[in-house]
């Protein structure tokens, strides 16, 4: 078989670039591949088969359930020591409130007396004009 010089040069250049040492064996391989493609076609023909597969999938989804409950608990004061201490505290607060009221009234009366004295002599408390 005679291969044209231009095709031989291209094959030789391809082998040199791709580091192929046995050029005759590579050329024979190319001829066989070309003949196989010519004989059977470029791509093999696949017979189409449609296969239907029924897949049943069970998915369990967790569900959160939130329940709100209002519970009323009656509160009773059982501890007598606490109630006695609380009563002492309340008595003390009442006494202090009464004392504050008395001191406020005393302050008001003292202011009024001082004003009377000042107006009486037209002098201040220290005797100055």
Protein backbone atom coordinates (compact mmCIF):
# COMPACT_ATOMS: atom_id res chain seq x y z
CA UNK A 1 0.00 0.00 0.00
CA UNK A 2 1.27 3.43 -0.91
CA UNK A 3 0.60 6.38 1.42
CA UNK A 4 0.93 9.87 -0.06
CA UNK A 5 3.99 11.79 1.15
CA UNK A 6 1.98 14.68 2.68
CA UNK A 7 -0.09 12.24 4.82
CA UNK A 8 3.06 10.35 5.81
CA UNK A 9 4.67 13.64 6.89
CA UNK A 10 1.63 14.58 8.98
CA UNK A 11 1.62 11.18 10.71
CA UNK A 12 5.36 11.39 11.32
CA UNK A 13 5.00 14.99 12.77
CA UNK A 14 2.12 13.83 15.03
CA UNK A 15 4.19 10.91 16.33
CA UNK A 16 7.17 13.19 17.01
CA UNK A 17 5.06 15.74 18.97
CA UNK A 18 3.33 13.00 21.02
CA UNK A 19 6.49 10.95 21.62
CA UNK A 20 5.33 7.87 19.69
CA UNK A 21 8.38 5.78 18.83
CA UNK A 22 6.95 2.99 16.62
CA UNK A 23 5.50 4.90 13.67
CA UNK A 24 4.67 1.84 11.50
CA UNK A 25 2.65 0.18 14.27
CA UNK A 26 0.79 3.47 14.96
CA UNK A 27 -0.03 3.86 11.23
CA UNK A 28 -1.42 0.30 11.13
CA UNK A 29 -3.57 1.07 14.18
CA UNK A 30 -4.96 4.17 12.44
CA UNK A 31 -5.88 2.15 9.33
CA UNK A 32 -7.70 -0.47 11.45
CA UNK A 33 -9.65 2.20 13.37
CA UNK A 34 -10.62 3.94 10.14
CA UNK A 35 -11.83 0.70 8.60
CA UNK A 36 -13.86 -0.19 11.71
CA UNK A 37 -15.53 3.23 11.66
CA UNK A 38 -16.31 2.83 7.97
CA UNK A 39 -17.68 -0.65 8.49
CA UNK A 40 -19.82 -0.09 11.62
CA UNK A 41 -20.34 3.68 11.66
CA UNK A 42 -18.98 6.49 13.78
CA UNK A 43 -21.20 5.76 16.76
CA UNK A 44 -22.78 2.48 17.70
CA UNK A 45 -26.52 2.31 17.33
CA UNK A 46 -28.20 1.78 20.64
CA UNK A 47 -31.54 0.10 20.81
CA UNK A 48 -33.81 2.24 22.88
CA UNK A 49 -35.51 0.62 25.80
CA UNK A 50 -37.86 2.44 28.07
CA UNK A 51 -37.97 0.95 31.50
CA UNK A 52 -40.51 2.25 33.94
CA UNK A 53 -39.70 1.64 37.54
CA UNK A 54 -42.23 2.45 40.20
CA UNK A 55 -40.58 3.54 43.38
CA UNK A 56 -42.64 3.92 46.49
CA UNK A 57 -41.09 6.11 49.10
CA UNK A 58 -42.50 6.58 52.58
CA UNK A 59 -41.41 9.73 54.33
CA UNK A 60 -42.18 10.28 57.97
CA UNK A 61 -42.31 13.89 59.04
CA UNK A 62 -42.05 14.60 62.76
CA UNK A 63 -44.73 16.98 64.01
CA UNK A 64 -44.18 19.16 67.04
CA UNK A 65 -47.18 19.73 69.19
CA UNK A 66 -47.07 22.67 71.57
CA UNK A 67 -49.59 22.65 74.36
CA UNK A 68 -49.90 25.63 76.66
CA UNK A 69 -51.50 25.07 79.99
CA UNK A 70 -52.34 27.75 82.50
CA UNK A 71 -52.22 26.46 86.02
CA UNK A 72 -53.43 28.70 88.81
CA UNK A 73 -52.07 27.93 92.22
CA UNK A 74 -53.58 29.70 95.23
CA UNK A 75 -50.94 31.28 97.42
CA UNK A 76 -51.47 31.32 101.14
CA UNK A 77 -49.15 32.73 103.75
CA UNK A 78 -48.46 29.87 106.07
CA UNK A 79 -45.23 30.91 107.69
CA UNK A 80 -46.19 32.81 110.85
CA UNK A 81 -42.66 34.06 111.53
CA UNK A 82 -42.59 35.86 108.19
CA UNK A 83 -46.01 37.36 108.80
CA UNK A 84 -44.92 38.55 112.30
CA UNK A 85 -41.77 40.16 110.85
CA UNK A 86 -43.85 41.75 108.11
CA UNK A 87 -46.24 43.17 110.70
CA UNK A 88 -43.30 44.61 112.70
CA UNK A 89 -41.97 46.19 109.52
CA UNK A 90 -45.35 47.73 108.68
CA UNK A 91 -45.68 49.11 112.22
CA UNK A 92 -42.23 50.67 111.96
CA UNK A 93 -43.09 52.24 108.58
CA UNK A 94 -46.31 53.70 110.03
CA UNK A 95 -44.40 55.17 113.02
CA UNK A 96 -41.83 56.74 110.71
CA UNK A 97 -44.55 58.25 108.52
CA UNK A 98 -46.22 59.74 111.59
CA UNK A 99 -42.89 61.18 112.78
CA UNK A 100 -42.21 62.72 109.35
CA UNK A 101 -45.67 64.32 109.40
CA UNK A 102 -45.09 65.71 112.91
CA UNK A 103 -41.70 67.16 111.95
CA UNK A 104 -43.17 68.73 108.80
CA UNK A 105 -45.88 70.41 110.86
CA UNK A 106 -43.31 71.59 113.42
CA UNK A 107 -41.24 73.07 110.62
CA UNK A 108 -44.27 74.97 109.27
CA UNK A 109 -45.18 76.40 112.69
CA UNK A 110 -41.57 77.45 113.30
CA UNK A 111 -41.51 79.27 109.95
CA UNK A 112 -44.75 81.08 110.81
CA UNK A 113 -43.46 82.15 114.23
CA UNK A 114 -40.23 83.40 112.71
CA UNK A 115 -42.17 85.44 110.15
CA UNK A 116 -44.34 86.97 112.91
CA UNK A 117 -41.29 87.93 114.92
CA UNK A 118 -39.66 89.49 111.90
CA UNK A 119 -42.73 91.55 111.04
CA UNK A 120 -43.27 92.59 114.64
CA UNK A 121 -40.00 94.46 115.10
CA UNK A 122 -39.23 95.03 111.46
CA UNK A 123 -35.98 93.40 112.24
CA UNK A 124 -34.68 90.05 111.36
CA UNK A 125 -34.13 87.28 113.80
CA UNK A 126 -30.69 88.58 114.72
CA UNK A 127 -31.96 92.08 115.44
CA UNK A 128 -30.72 93.64 112.24
CA UNK A 129 -32.72 95.78 109.93
